[in-house]
Amino acid sequence: MFYAGKTALHTAIILTNKGAGKFDVIDANFVKPSQVWRHDNWDPASWAASNPGGGDVRIWRMGTVSNAPTPTASPVLQVNKRVQSDGTNQVYVARASTVDQYWWNTNTTKVQFTNIITIAQNNIVAIDSTIMPDGQHLLYTAVPDGIWESYWYPGQKKPTSSKIISGLTGVKKVQKTLQSNGYQQLYVMTGAGVYEYFWKPNTTIKGELLYGLNNPVDMVKIFEPNGSQSVYVADQAYVYRVNWGTSAGKTITPMINIAQRNIVSVDVVVASDGRHSLYTATDTGVWETNWYIGQPHSSRWIAGGTGIKQVQARIISGTYQVYVATNGGIYRYWWNVGSTSVNPVVIANLPAVRGFDEGINPDGARAVYTASGNTVQESYWFGNTGGVTTHELK
């Protein structure tokens, strides 16, 4: 690699071709003279192009060259958006064998890329991540029989990863939460139901089957306004609320029944006045179920669609926002508290959608990150009616 108009040449030995123009390499003299260094996911073309005059990259391969096809990126299974306390945007991208972090802030001129974990068995099924109060980053990678934990602090060269839960069957989803008393919690959805694991730092992880359910399709865990905790878990026909932490002990409440048995996703939000809203997505539409704790609940149909994959909801300044992923794109439905009129908005028409995650960026933009085929697409806008910009995150 060398810059145009310069005679100095920089040479690296390629260890692994990661595809999409990225390589794991070992080089010398990059950090300082006579210093050998390893760069993971190195993009030499982008590095060369960063010079104002342009640059050049040449690759030699020693020995016999096979006719194997050039590696291509595998489909994106899940995306997970977080924002660091210093304003750094982070998007975790899960594929069958890797989880990578894309990150950027006001000090970066382009999106940065870091590999967090690679699973040789090529069997990743889901992820979740969190940032601890002390700044530590935690990533949980689900495989069919358990969960891997990766942890690091900003600036560390490489995360530490280990398998902390094993012996499960048919793992489908993982969600991490943190109690105010310092207990870390992990909820794992398997083919037999939802398991709860809990621990404090440097102590043994304890776990149990929280709720047995044959072949569930989705779950979400929340902390309730009254101090209790709930997991909302769905199979194809019902959404159940599993609540504990009150004098009544653990209670199970059926929230909605879909006779067509086509539930695919659930999410729940709680307004500042304690009003609960459960969103149950079928493959043809979304139901909203409302209630206050201790009172009856009622449901209404709020959106129709085709090939629905996922639903997410949030409340922003008194405005309900419900995001829906279909095979062909992302849609947003919004309305103000007390209104019965739902406003539909097309966020992006995209192919081969598998799922998404949404959030608010530090600059105030609302953003959706969508797993679309082999890519992650970022869609962002300002306000409820602002124009949407969509582009590949890379």
Protein backbone atom coordinates (compact mmCIF):
# COMPACT_ATOMS: atom_id res chain seq x y z
CA MET A 1 0.00 0.00 0.00
CA PHE A 2 1.39 3.41 -0.86
CA TYR A 3 0.14 6.94 -1.33
CA ALA A 4 0.21 8.58 -4.73
CA GLY A 5 3.26 10.74 -5.27
CA LYS A 6 5.26 9.04 -2.50
CA THR A 7 7.98 6.43 -2.76
CA ALA A 8 7.48 4.95 0.74
CA LEU A 9 5.93 1.50 0.60
CA HIS A 10 4.03 -0.23 3.43
CA THR A 11 3.84 -4.03 3.35
CA ALA A 12 1.63 -6.42 5.32
CA ILE A 13 1.24 -10.20 5.44
CA ILE A 14 -2.38 -11.30 5.01
CA LEU A 15 -3.52 -13.88 7.56
CA THR A 16 -7.20 -14.10 6.60
CA ASN A 17 -9.34 -12.77 3.77
CA LYS A 18 -12.52 -11.68 5.58
CA GLY A 19 -14.33 -10.74 2.38
CA ALA A 20 -15.77 -7.36 1.37
CA GLY A 21 -12.23 -5.97 1.00
CA LYS A 22 -11.23 -6.60 4.62
CA PHE A 23 -8.29 -8.65 5.89
CA ASP A 24 -6.60 -9.74 9.11
CA VAL A 25 -2.93 -8.76 8.65
CA ILE A 26 0.42 -8.52 10.41
CA ASP A 27 2.64 -5.61 9.44
CA ALA A 28 5.78 -3.84 10.54
CA ASN A 29 6.64 -0.16 11.03
CA PHE A 30 3.02 1.00 11.03
CA VAL A 31 2.92 1.81 14.76
CA LYS A 32 6.57 2.78 15.02
CA PRO A 33 9.92 1.68 13.52
CA SER A 34 10.78 -1.98 14.15
CA GLN A 35 7.39 -2.60 15.75
CA VAL A 36 5.30 -5.56 14.51
CA TRP A 37 1.54 -5.19 14.85
CA ARG A 38 -1.65 -7.10 14.02
CA HIS A 39 -4.63 -5.34 12.42
CA ASP A 40 -7.96 -7.18 12.34
CA ASN A 41 -10.55 -6.38 9.65
CA TRP A 42 -8.06 -4.06 7.89
CA ASP A 43 -9.45 -2.27 4.85
CA PRO A 44 -6.36 -1.34 2.79
CA ALA A 45 -8.32 0.31 -0.02
CA SER A 46 -10.04 2.73 2.37
CA TRP A 47 -6.71 3.40 4.10
CA ALA A 48 -5.02 4.25 0.80
CA ALA A 49 -7.94 6.35 -0.41
CA SER A 50 -7.79 8.48 2.76
CA ASN A 51 -4.76 10.26 1.27
CA PRO A 52 -5.84 13.44 -0.57
CA GLY A 53 -3.90 12.37 -3.65
CA GLY A 54 -5.28 8.85 -3.66
CA GLY A 55 -3.39 5.63 -3.16
CA ASP A 56 -2.73 2.19 -4.54
CA VAL A 57 -3.10 -1.33 -3.17
CA ARG A 58 -1.42 -4.39 -4.68
CA ILE A 59 -1.78 -7.95 -3.46
CA TRP A 60 0.50 -10.85 -4.35
CA ARG A 61 -0.40 -14.44 -3.63
CA MET A 62 2.43 -16.98 -3.40
CA GLY A 63 2.06 -20.54 -4.61
CA THR A 64 -0.79 -22.08 -6.61
CA VAL A 65 -3.92 -19.97 -6.93
CA SER A 66 -7.16 -21.93 -6.73
CA ASN A 67 -10.33 -21.11 -8.64
CA ALA A 68 -12.36 -20.75 -5.45
CA PRO A 69 -14.92 -17.93 -5.59
CA THR A 70 -14.19 -14.66 -3.82
CA PRO A 71 -15.64 -14.71 -0.29
CA THR A 72 -18.84 -12.70 0.09
CA ALA A 73 -20.58 -11.44 3.18
CA SER A 74 -23.17 -13.84 4.60
CA PRO A 75 -26.74 -12.72 5.36
CA VAL A 76 -27.26 -10.46 8.37
CA LEU A 77 -29.30 -12.26 11.05
CA GLN A 78 -29.85 -9.45 13.55
CA VAL A 79 -28.81 -5.87 14.30
CA ASN A 80 -28.58 -4.26 17.74
CA LYS A 81 -28.24 -0.46 18.20
CA ARG A 82 -26.68 1.20 21.27
CA VAL A 83 -25.32 4.66 22.12
CA GLN A 84 -22.28 5.09 24.38
CA SER A 85 -22.30 7.79 27.09
CA ASP A 86 -19.82 9.90 25.09
CA GLY A 87 -22.19 9.97 22.09
CA THR A 88 -20.60 7.13 20.13
CA ASN A 89 -23.12 5.26 17.98
CA GLN A 90 -22.74 1.48 17.99
CA VAL A 91 -24.46 -1.07 15.77
CA TYR A 92 -23.83 -4.77 16.42
CA VAL A 93 -24.24 -6.94 13.34
CA ALA A 94 -24.76 -10.69 13.75
CA ARG A 95 -24.10 -13.15 10.97
CA ALA A 96 -23.93 -16.96 11.19
CA SER A 97 -20.28 -17.01 12.34
CA THR A 98 -19.45 -13.46 13.47
CA VAL A 99 -20.71 -10.53 15.50
CA ASP A 100 -19.14 -7.23 14.44
CA GLN A 101 -19.47 -3.74 15.83
CA TYR A 102 -19.85 -0.71 13.57
CA TRP A 103 -19.23 2.54 15.42
CA TRP A 104 -18.85 6.25 14.75
CA ASN A 105 -18.95 9.63 16.50
CA THR A 106 -18.17 13.28 15.83
CA ASN A 107 -14.42 12.52 15.81
CA THR A 108 -14.57 9.87 13.07
CA THR A 109 -14.70 10.60 9.36
CA LYS A 110 -16.20 7.20 8.50
CA VAL A 111 -17.86 4.25 10.15
CA GLN A 112 -15.33 2.10 12.04
CA PHE A 113 -15.45 -1.70 12.14
CA THR A 114 -14.44 -4.12 14.91
CA ASN A 115 -14.95 -7.89 15.13
CA ILE A 116 -16.22 -8.82 18.61
CA ILE A 117 -16.57 -12.62 18.39
CA THR A 118 -16.23 -15.38 15.80
CA ILE A 119 -18.02 -18.72 16.28
CA ALA A 120 -16.31 -21.52 14.36
CA GLN A 121 -19.45 -23.67 14.36
CA ASN A 122 -21.22 -21.08 12.18
CA ASN A 123 -24.41 -21.34 14.26
CA ILE A 124 -25.18 -17.92 15.77
CA VAL A 125 -28.93 -17.40 16.22
CA ALA A 126 -29.35 -14.13 18.19
CA ILE A 127 -27.56 -11.36 20.12
CA ASP A 128 -28.14 -8.69 22.75
CA SER A 129 -25.79 -6.06 24.17
CA THR A 130 -25.60 -3.54 26.97
CA ILE A 131 -23.29 -0.89 28.42
CA MET A 132 -22.75 -1.13 32.17
CA PRO A 133 -22.77 1.95 34.46
CA ASP A 134 -18.94 1.80 34.71
CA GLY A 135 -18.63 1.86 30.89
CA GLN A 136 -17.97 -1.84 30.40
CA HIS A 137 -19.46 -3.25 27.19
CA LEU A 138 -21.20 -6.63 27.24
CA LEU A 139 -22.29 -8.67 24.24
CA TYR A 140 -24.31 -11.89 24.52
CA THR A 141 -24.21 -14.22 21.53
CA ALA A 142 -26.75 -17.04 21.42
CA VAL A 143 -26.03 -20.37 19.76
CA PRO A 144 -28.45 -23.34 19.77
CA ASP A 145 -27.11 -24.85 23.03
CA GLY A 146 -26.14 -21.78 25.05
CA ILE A 147 -24.79 -18.25 25.38
CA TRP A 148 -21.37 -16.65 24.87
CA GLU A 149 -20.43 -13.50 26.81
CA SER A 150 -17.93 -10.96 25.41
CA TYR A 151 -16.77 -8.04 27.56
CA TRP A 152 -14.41 -5.10 27.15
CA TYR A 153 -13.89 -1.44 27.96
CA PRO A 154 -13.56 1.29 25.31
CA GLY A 155 -10.02 1.38 24.00
CA GLN A 156 -9.23 -2.27 24.72
CA LYS A 157 -7.63 -4.04 21.77
CA LYS A 158 -9.68 -7.24 21.89
CA PRO A 159 -12.78 -8.34 23.84
CA THR A 160 -12.64 -11.36 26.13
CA SER A 161 -15.18 -14.07 25.26
CA SER A 162 -16.31 -17.22 27.04
CA LYS A 163 -19.31 -19.52 26.96
CA ILE A 164 -21.20 -18.85 30.19
CA ILE A 165 -24.32 -20.98 29.59
CA SER A 166 -24.39 -24.46 28.04
CA GLY A 167 -26.63 -27.50 27.87
CA LEU A 168 -29.73 -25.85 26.40
CA THR A 169 -31.66 -26.96 23.33
CA GLY A 170 -33.15 -24.86 20.57
CA VAL A 171 -32.07 -21.41 21.76
CA LYS A 172 -33.85 -18.68 19.76
CA LYS A 173 -33.39 -15.34 21.55
CA VAL A 174 -31.44 -13.69 24.37
CA GLN A 175 -32.13 -10.48 26.34
CA LYS A 176 -29.91 -8.85 28.97
CA THR A 177 -31.21 -6.68 31.85
CA LEU A 178 -29.66 -5.17 34.99
CA GLN A 179 -31.43 -4.78 38.33
CA SER A 180 -30.92 -1.71 40.51
CA ASN A 181 -29.40 -3.94 43.22
CA GLY A 182 -26.54 -4.92 40.91
CA TYR A 183 -27.84 -8.30 39.81
CA GLN A 184 -27.30 -9.02 36.13
CA GLN A 185 -30.08 -10.96 34.43
CA LEU A 186 -30.20 -12.93 31.23
CA TYR A 187 -33.39 -14.23 29.62
CA VAL A 188 -33.01 -17.02 27.09
CA MET A 189 -35.87 -18.24 24.92
CA THR A 190 -35.58 -21.86 23.86
CA GLY A 191 -37.86 -24.40 22.22
CA ALA A 192 -39.06 -25.37 25.71
CA GLY A 193 -39.76 -21.89 27.09
CA VAL A 194 -37.94 -19.00 28.77
CA TYR A 195 -34.99 -19.45 31.16
CA GLU A 196 -33.87 -16.80 33.64
CA TYR A 197 -30.20 -16.52 34.71
CA PHE A 198 -28.94 -14.07 37.32
CA TRP A 199 -25.66 -13.23 39.06
CA LYS A 200 -23.55 -10.50 40.59
CA PRO A 201 -20.03 -9.81 39.27
CA ASN A 202 -17.52 -12.53 40.22
CA THR A 203 -20.23 -14.90 41.50
CA THR A 204 -21.72 -18.11 40.16
CA ILE A 205 -24.47 -17.82 37.57
CA LYS A 206 -27.77 -19.28 38.75
CA GLY A 207 -30.66 -20.15 36.48
CA GLU A 208 -34.01 -21.82 36.14
CA LEU A 209 -36.86 -22.35 33.70
CA LEU A 210 -39.02 -19.28 34.29
CA TYR A 211 -41.93 -20.37 32.11
CA GLY A 212 -42.35 -23.53 30.08
CA LEU A 213 -43.93 -23.03 26.66
CA ASN A 214 -43.72 -25.28 23.64
CA ASN A 215 -41.99 -23.63 20.68
CA PRO A 216 -42.32 -19.92 21.59
CA VAL A 217 -41.80 -17.36 18.82
CA ASP A 218 -40.76 -14.21 20.73
CA MET A 219 -40.32 -12.66 24.18
CA VAL A 220 -39.57 -9.30 25.82
CA LYS A 221 -38.58 -8.56 29.44
CA ILE A 222 -39.49 -5.31 31.28
CA PHE A 223 -39.36 -3.79 34.77
CA GLU A 224 -42.87 -2.78 35.87
CA PRO A 225 -43.73 0.61 37.46
CA ASN A 226 -44.77 -1.13 40.72
CA GLY A 227 -41.29 -2.67 41.15
CA SER A 228 -42.20 -6.12 39.84
CA GLN A 229 -40.82 -7.75 36.69
CA SER A 230 -42.54 -9.26 33.67
CA VAL A 231 -41.65 -11.36 30.67
CA TYR A 232 -44.10 -11.28 27.79
CA VAL A 233 -43.71 -14.48 25.80
CA ALA A 234 -45.67 -15.63 22.76
CA ASP A 235 -46.29 -18.81 20.90
CA GLN A 236 -48.17 -18.76 17.61
CA ALA A 237 -51.58 -18.43 19.28
CA TYR A 238 -51.16 -16.60 22.62
CA VAL A 239 -49.16 -13.88 24.33
CA TYR A 240 -48.64 -14.56 28.05
CA ARG A 241 -47.51 -12.16 30.76
CA VAL A 242 -45.28 -13.82 33.36
CA ASN A 243 -45.07 -11.47 36.37
CA TRP A 244 -43.18 -11.84 39.65
CA GLY A 245 -41.84 -9.73 42.53
CA THR A 246 -45.13 -9.03 44.31
CA SER A 247 -46.90 -10.68 47.25
CA ALA A 248 -48.94 -12.70 44.77
CA GLY A 249 -45.82 -14.62 43.67
CA LYS A 250 -45.40 -15.59 40.04
CA THR A 251 -48.57 -15.09 38.00
CA ILE A 252 -49.33 -16.08 34.42
CA THR A 253 -51.88 -14.01 32.47
CA PRO A 254 -53.00 -14.68 28.87
CA MET A 255 -53.02 -11.24 27.19
CA ILE A 256 -54.30 -11.94 23.69
CA ASN A 257 -55.35 -14.95 21.64
CA ILE A 258 -54.91 -15.04 17.85
CA ALA A 259 -57.13 -17.75 16.37
CA GLN A 260 -55.17 -17.81 13.12
CA ARG A 261 -52.05 -18.95 15.05
CA ASN A 262 -49.75 -16.62 13.10
CA ILE A 263 -48.02 -14.53 15.81
CA VAL A 264 -44.44 -13.68 14.86
CA SER A 265 -43.25 -10.89 17.23
CA VAL A 266 -44.14 -8.93 20.38
CA ASP A 267 -43.07 -5.73 22.14
CA VAL A 268 -44.42 -3.71 25.07
CA VAL A 269 -44.11 -0.12 26.31
CA VAL A 270 -45.30 1.58 29.50
CA ALA A 271 -46.38 5.24 29.49
CA SER A 272 -45.51 7.66 32.29
CA ASP A 273 -49.01 7.26 33.78
CA GLY A 274 -48.58 3.46 33.97
CA ARG A 275 -50.63 2.62 30.89
CA HIS A 276 -49.32 -0.57 29.29
CA SER A 277 -49.39 -1.16 25.55
CA LEU A 278 -48.58 -4.60 24.15
CA TYR A 279 -47.98 -4.92 20.41
CA THR A 280 -48.58 -8.35 18.91
CA ALA A 281 -47.48 -8.76 15.31
CA THR A 282 -48.91 -11.52 13.16
CA ASP A 283 -47.67 -12.14 9.64
CA THR A 284 -50.57 -9.99 8.37
CA GLY A 285 -50.87 -7.14 10.88
CA VAL A 286 -50.40 -5.70 14.38
CA TRP A 287 -52.70 -5.69 17.42
CA GLU A 288 -52.43 -3.20 20.29
CA THR A 289 -53.51 -4.33 23.78
CA ASN A 290 -53.90 -1.64 26.49
CA TRP A 291 -54.35 -1.82 30.28
CA TYR A 292 -53.33 -0.46 33.65
CA ILE A 293 -52.01 -2.89 36.27
CA GLY A 294 -54.92 -4.47 38.09
CA GLN A 295 -57.46 -3.51 35.43
CA PRO A 296 -58.88 -5.39 32.41
CA HIS A 297 -57.13 -5.14 29.08
CA SER A 298 -58.59 -4.55 25.62
CA SER A 299 -57.20 -4.94 22.11
CA ARG A 300 -57.54 -3.11 18.80
CA TRP A 301 -56.18 -3.68 15.28
CA ILE A 302 -53.79 -0.85 14.32
CA ALA A 303 -51.98 -1.96 11.14
CA GLY A 304 -52.17 -4.44 8.31
CA GLY A 305 -49.36 -5.82 6.18
CA THR A 306 -47.87 -8.77 4.36
CA GLY A 307 -44.99 -10.97 5.44
CA ILE A 308 -44.47 -9.17 8.77
CA LYS A 309 -41.28 -10.17 10.61
CA GLN A 310 -40.92 -7.95 13.68
CA VAL A 311 -42.51 -5.16 15.71
CA GLN A 312 -40.88 -2.59 18.02
CA ALA A 313 -42.53 0.23 19.96
CA ARG A 314 -41.55 3.29 21.98
CA ILE A 315 -43.12 6.48 23.34
CA ILE A 316 -41.38 9.80 22.56
CA SER A 317 -42.71 12.98 24.20
CA GLY A 318 -46.25 11.64 24.35
CA THR A 319 -46.19 10.19 20.84
CA TYR A 320 -46.51 6.46 20.25
CA GLN A 321 -44.14 5.03 17.63
CA VAL A 322 -44.69 1.48 16.35
CA TYR A 323 -42.18 0.12 13.83
CA VAL A 324 -43.02 -2.89 11.67
CA ALA A 325 -40.68 -4.92 9.47
CA THR A 326 -42.04 -6.82 6.49
CA ASN A 327 -40.32 -8.85 3.77
CA GLY A 328 -40.09 -5.71 1.65
CA GLY A 329 -39.32 -2.88 4.05
CA ILE A 330 -39.82 -0.96 7.28
CA TYR A 331 -42.96 0.98 8.25
CA ARG A 332 -43.72 3.35 11.12
CA TYR A 333 -47.12 4.01 12.68
CA TRP A 334 -47.45 6.98 15.04
CA TRP A 335 -50.14 8.82 16.98
CA ASN A 336 -50.38 11.15 19.95
CA VAL A 337 -51.67 10.06 23.34
CA GLY A 338 -55.47 10.03 23.33
CA SER A 339 -55.76 9.97 19.55
CA THR A 340 -57.48 7.13 17.72
CA SER A 341 -56.07 8.11 14.32
CA VAL A 342 -52.91 6.19 13.33
CA ASN A 343 -50.50 7.81 10.86
CA PRO A 344 -48.65 5.30 8.60
CA VAL A 345 -45.21 6.21 7.21
CA VAL A 346 -42.97 4.22 4.87
CA ILE A 347 -39.43 4.28 6.29
CA ALA A 348 -37.71 2.30 3.54
CA ASN A 349 -38.50 -0.22 0.82
CA LEU A 350 -35.83 -2.89 1.20
CA PRO A 351 -35.37 -6.47 -0.03
CA ALA A 352 -34.95 -9.61 2.08
CA VAL A 353 -35.62 -7.98 5.46
CA ARG A 354 -34.96 -10.21 8.48
CA GLY A 355 -35.32 -7.68 11.28
CA PHE A 356 -34.24 -4.31 12.63
CA ASP A 357 -33.45 -2.20 15.68
CA GLU A 358 -34.38 1.44 16.16
CA GLY A 359 -33.20 4.26 18.36
CA ILE A 360 -32.46 7.97 18.71
CA ASN A 361 -28.99 9.12 17.71
CA PRO A 362 -27.07 11.73 19.75
CA ASP A 363 -27.86 14.44 17.16
CA GLY A 364 -31.59 13.89 17.72
CA ALA A 365 -32.17 11.92 14.54
CA ARG A 366 -34.47 8.95 14.77
CA ALA A 367 -32.88 5.96 13.12
CA VAL A 368 -33.71 2.41 12.09
CA TYR A 369 -31.02 -0.17 11.32
CA THR A 370 -32.34 -2.95 9.11
CA ALA A 371 -30.94 -6.39 8.30
CA SER A 372 -31.53 -6.47 4.54
CA GLY A 373 -29.95 -9.46 2.79
CA ASN A 374 -26.17 -9.25 3.29
CA THR A 375 -26.28 -5.60 4.33
CA VAL A 376 -27.29 -3.29 7.17
CA GLN A 377 -29.29 -0.29 6.00
CA GLU A 378 -29.45 2.90 8.08
CA SER A 379 -32.61 5.02 7.74
CA TYR A 380 -32.77 8.33 9.65
CA TRP A 381 -34.98 11.41 9.89
CA PHE A 382 -35.87 14.28 12.24
CA GLY A 383 -39.30 14.71 13.82
CA ASN A 384 -42.47 12.83 12.98
CA THR A 385 -42.78 14.01 9.40
CA GLY A 386 -39.17 14.64 8.32
CA GLY A 387 -37.85 13.14 5.11
CA VAL A 388 -36.10 9.78 5.49
CA THR A 389 -32.59 9.12 4.23
CA THR A 390 -31.56 5.48 3.71
CA HIS A 391 -28.11 4.14 2.88
CA GLU A 392 -25.96 1.09 3.53
CA LEU A 393 -24.01 1.21 6.77
CA LYS A 394 -20.41 0.47 5.90
